[in-house]
Amino acid sequence: MHLIEARKSTKDRILELLKKEASMTVAHLTGQLNITHMAVRKHLNGLESDGFIQSQDFKQPMGRPLQIYTLTAKGESLFPKNYEGITLEFLQDIQAMYGENAVEVLFKKREERLTREYSVRLADKSNPEKIRELVSIQNEKGYMAAGVQVDEHTYELFEYNCPILAVANQHKEACRCETRMLRNALDTEDIQRVSCKTESDDHCKFRIKFK
């Protein structure tokens, strides 16, 4: 969902208003958007079902409770943040002070941490279940992932977004660590990175084979 465009959808405008105002009622949103009360509720229901917003009843001295809408953590994640830029600056500073080896140690620590995290969630699952769970994990982390079963033993993992692309463009070790982590977490050595966004491909793609 693109929030910064010349022409925004009604859902994008609702998300932006909630970001600016922190919380709003249906009546308040209706006045800001210049559409019907029913249309606003339809968009709100969709956004709430998708997990981008949440509602809470607020009791009034008289009359029915007011429904107050706010962004969820998932909704907040749609708005640009500069965490990646700050991370890249820190890595550059560490490299300048302690050398390239220190940066490689940091990536290795991250690889070990993610391997433990993924392994717990993928343990005791069949191969199709592992891929489904892996897709879920990657989507939680913002990779816009999808999985496809090619044959009985072969799967493909697609990642249409890379939350650490700026870092990976400067430090290819990030991509190598991710591939090793997937091999260890999925318990198969036969994983190939077929395409990569750091090489100007449209998406990252892994081919995964189980015995």
Protein backbone atom coordinates (compact mmCIF):
# COMPACT_ATOMS: atom_id res chain seq x y z
CA MET A 1 0.00 0.00 0.00
CA HIS A 2 1.58 3.27 -1.14
CA LEU A 3 0.87 6.19 1.17
CA ILE A 4 2.66 8.97 -0.71
CA GLU A 5 1.14 9.44 -4.15
CA ALA A 6 -0.28 12.25 -6.26
CA ARG A 7 -3.70 10.60 -6.03
CA LYS A 8 -4.42 8.66 -2.87
CA SER A 9 -7.09 6.03 -2.30
CA THR A 10 -9.69 6.61 0.41
CA LYS A 11 -8.06 3.93 2.55
CA ASP A 12 -4.69 5.68 2.28
CA ARG A 13 -6.30 8.98 3.26
CA ILE A 14 -7.90 7.34 6.31
CA LEU A 15 -4.55 5.90 7.38
CA GLU A 16 -2.86 9.29 6.95
CA LEU A 17 -5.58 11.05 8.96
CA LEU A 18 -5.25 8.52 11.79
CA LYS A 19 -1.48 8.95 11.71
CA LYS A 20 -1.83 12.73 12.05
CA GLU A 21 -4.73 12.81 14.53
CA ALA A 22 -3.81 9.67 16.53
CA SER A 23 -7.49 8.75 17.00
CA MET A 24 -10.72 9.62 15.20
CA THR A 25 -14.40 8.76 15.13
CA VAL A 26 -16.48 7.83 12.09
CA ALA A 27 -18.16 11.25 12.18
CA HIS A 28 -14.81 13.04 12.25
CA LEU A 29 -13.51 10.95 9.35
CA THR A 30 -16.71 11.51 7.36
CA GLY A 31 -16.29 15.26 7.68
CA GLN A 32 -12.64 15.13 6.60
CA LEU A 33 -13.15 12.81 3.64
CA ASN A 34 -16.39 14.29 2.25
CA ILE A 35 -17.93 10.86 1.61
CA THR A 36 -20.91 9.13 3.15
CA HIS A 37 -20.99 7.70 6.65
CA MET A 38 -21.69 4.25 5.15
CA ALA A 39 -18.69 4.49 2.78
CA VAL A 40 -16.38 5.44 5.66
CA ARG A 41 -17.57 2.47 7.71
CA LYS A 42 -16.99 0.13 4.75
CA HIS A 43 -13.38 1.29 4.42
CA LEU A 44 -12.83 1.12 8.18
CA ASN A 45 -14.16 -2.44 8.32
CA GLY A 46 -11.76 -3.45 5.56
CA LEU A 47 -8.77 -1.81 7.22
CA GLU A 48 -9.66 -3.36 10.58
CA SER A 49 -10.04 -6.82 9.00
CA ASP A 50 -6.60 -6.41 7.42
CA GLY A 51 -5.12 -5.48 10.80
CA PHE A 52 -4.11 -1.90 9.94
CA ILE A 53 -6.45 -0.19 12.42
CA GLN A 54 -8.29 -1.04 15.63
CA SER A 55 -11.43 0.30 17.30
CA GLN A 56 -12.37 0.86 20.91
CA ASP A 57 -15.69 1.88 22.45
CA PHE A 58 -15.64 5.11 24.44
CA LYS A 59 -18.56 5.55 26.88
CA GLN A 60 -20.37 8.87 26.86
CA PRO A 61 -22.49 10.38 29.66
CA MET A 62 -25.51 10.05 27.37
CA GLY A 63 -26.24 8.02 24.27
CA ARG A 64 -24.43 5.14 22.63
CA PRO A 65 -20.67 4.64 23.08
CA LEU A 66 -18.41 6.26 20.50
CA GLN A 67 -16.16 4.06 18.42
CA ILE A 68 -12.63 5.46 18.38
CA TYR A 69 -10.26 4.28 15.64
CA THR A 70 -6.46 4.19 15.90
CA LEU A 71 -3.59 2.67 13.92
CA THR A 72 -2.18 -0.71 14.93
CA ALA A 73 1.54 -1.50 14.86
CA LYS A 74 0.95 -2.97 11.38
CA GLY A 75 -0.66 0.30 10.30
CA GLU A 76 2.21 2.33 11.72
CA SER A 77 4.67 0.19 9.78
CA LEU A 78 3.24 1.52 6.49
CA PHE A 79 4.76 4.94 7.13
CA PRO A 80 8.38 5.62 6.16
CA LYS A 81 11.00 5.34 8.86
CA ASN A 82 14.74 5.91 8.61
CA TYR A 83 15.85 2.92 10.70
CA GLU A 84 17.65 1.40 7.70
CA GLY A 85 19.58 4.61 7.05
CA ILE A 86 20.64 4.86 10.68
CA THR A 87 21.71 1.20 10.68
CA LEU A 88 23.83 1.77 7.58
CA GLU A 89 25.50 4.77 9.20
CA PHE A 90 26.30 2.74 12.32
CA LEU A 91 27.82 -0.04 10.20
CA GLN A 92 29.94 2.48 8.32
CA ASP A 93 31.16 3.95 11.61
CA ILE A 94 31.98 0.50 13.02
CA GLN A 95 33.88 -0.40 9.83
CA ALA A 96 35.85 2.86 9.99
CA MET A 97 36.77 2.35 13.64
CA TYR A 98 37.31 -1.41 13.84
CA GLY A 99 37.63 -2.69 10.28
CA GLU A 100 35.58 -4.90 7.95
CA ASN A 101 36.03 -7.94 10.21
CA ALA A 102 34.00 -6.27 12.96
CA VAL A 103 31.09 -5.77 10.55
CA GLU A 104 31.28 -9.42 9.49
CA VAL A 105 31.12 -10.46 13.16
CA LEU A 106 27.94 -8.41 13.59
CA PHE A 107 26.31 -10.09 10.60
CA LYS A 108 27.34 -13.50 11.94
CA LYS A 109 25.74 -12.68 15.30
CA ARG A 110 22.54 -11.65 13.49
CA GLU A 111 22.61 -14.87 11.46
CA GLU A 112 22.93 -16.98 14.62
CA ARG A 113 20.11 -15.09 16.35
CA LEU A 114 17.74 -15.45 13.36
CA THR A 115 18.64 -19.12 12.94
CA ARG A 116 17.55 -19.80 16.53
CA GLU A 117 14.35 -17.77 16.09
CA TYR A 118 13.34 -19.43 12.80
CA SER A 119 14.34 -22.94 13.92
CA VAL A 120 11.95 -22.80 16.88
CA ARG A 121 9.01 -21.89 14.63
CA LEU A 122 9.90 -24.41 11.91
CA ALA A 123 10.60 -27.36 14.21
CA ASP A 124 8.55 -30.57 13.92
CA LYS A 125 6.77 -29.45 10.75
CA SER A 126 6.36 -31.18 7.39
CA ASN A 127 8.09 -29.59 4.40
CA PRO A 128 4.93 -27.81 3.11
CA GLU A 129 4.24 -26.56 6.65
CA LYS A 130 7.80 -25.27 6.93
CA ILE A 131 7.40 -23.19 3.77
CA ARG A 132 4.02 -21.82 4.88
CA GLU A 133 5.46 -20.86 8.26
CA LEU A 134 8.56 -19.36 6.62
CA VAL A 135 6.37 -17.19 4.41
CA SER A 136 4.47 -16.05 7.51
CA ILE A 137 7.69 -15.15 9.32
CA GLN A 138 9.05 -13.21 6.36
CA ASN A 139 5.78 -11.31 5.95
CA GLU A 140 5.86 -10.38 9.62
CA LYS A 141 9.31 -8.92 8.97
CA GLY A 142 8.17 -6.92 5.94
CA TYR A 143 9.54 -9.04 3.07
CA MET A 144 6.21 -9.35 1.16
CA ALA A 145 6.93 -13.06 0.75
CA ALA A 146 5.18 -15.81 -1.15
CA GLY A 147 5.87 -19.53 -1.53
CA VAL A 148 5.26 -21.91 -4.44
CA GLN A 149 5.56 -25.70 -4.54
CA VAL A 150 7.31 -26.76 -7.76
CA ASP A 151 7.27 -30.52 -7.23
CA GLU A 152 7.22 -33.06 -4.39
CA HIS A 153 10.56 -31.93 -2.98
CA THR A 154 11.11 -28.46 -4.48
CA TYR A 155 9.76 -25.08 -3.41
CA GLU A 156 10.38 -21.47 -4.35
CA LEU A 157 10.39 -18.55 -1.93
CA PHE A 158 9.76 -15.07 -3.37
CA GLU A 159 10.56 -11.86 -1.47
CA TYR A 160 9.16 -8.77 -3.20
CA ASN A 161 10.44 -6.31 -0.60
CA CYS A 162 13.75 -6.10 1.26
CA PRO A 163 13.57 -4.16 4.55
CA ILE A 164 17.38 -3.99 4.68
CA LEU A 165 18.05 -3.27 1.00
CA ALA A 166 20.25 -0.20 1.60
CA VAL A 167 22.37 -2.24 4.03
CA ALA A 168 22.52 -5.27 1.70
CA ASN A 169 23.57 -3.07 -1.23
CA GLN A 170 26.60 -1.93 0.77
CA HIS A 171 27.29 -5.20 2.59
CA LYS A 172 26.64 -8.32 0.49
CA GLU A 173 27.38 -10.40 3.59
CA ALA A 174 23.78 -9.68 4.63
CA CYS A 175 22.51 -11.76 1.68
CA ARG A 176 25.00 -14.57 2.28
CA CYS A 177 23.98 -14.71 5.95
CA GLU A 178 20.30 -14.93 5.03
CA THR A 179 20.96 -17.87 2.68
CA ARG A 180 22.99 -19.73 5.31
CA MET A 181 20.34 -19.03 7.92
CA LEU A 182 17.61 -20.51 5.70
CA ARG A 183 19.70 -23.63 5.09
CA ASN A 184 20.16 -24.19 8.81
CA ALA A 185 16.59 -23.31 9.83
CA LEU A 186 14.99 -25.43 7.10
CA ASP A 187 17.53 -28.24 7.62
CA THR A 188 18.52 -28.58 3.96
CA GLU A 189 21.75 -27.69 2.19
CA ASP A 190 20.07 -27.44 -1.20
CA ILE A 191 19.00 -23.79 -1.21
CA GLN A 192 19.97 -21.46 -4.04
CA ARG A 193 19.38 -17.72 -4.32
CA VAL A 194 18.14 -17.49 -7.92
CA SER A 195 17.65 -13.72 -8.02
CA CYS A 196 18.45 -10.82 -5.71
CA LYS A 197 17.31 -7.22 -5.43
CA THR A 198 20.91 -6.13 -4.78
CA GLU A 199 21.67 -7.27 -8.33
CA SER A 200 18.88 -5.10 -9.79
CA ASP A 201 16.37 -7.98 -9.96
CA ASP A 202 12.73 -7.13 -9.24
CA HIS A 203 12.64 -9.52 -6.30
CA CYS A 204 14.67 -12.03 -4.33
CA LYS A 205 13.98 -15.67 -5.12
CA PHE A 206 15.19 -18.87 -3.45
CA ARG A 207 14.88 -22.40 -4.78
CA ILE A 208 14.58 -24.85 -1.89
CA LYS A 209 14.93 -28.61 -2.23
CA PHE A 210 14.27 -31.17 0.51
CA LYS A 211 15.46 -34.77 0.35
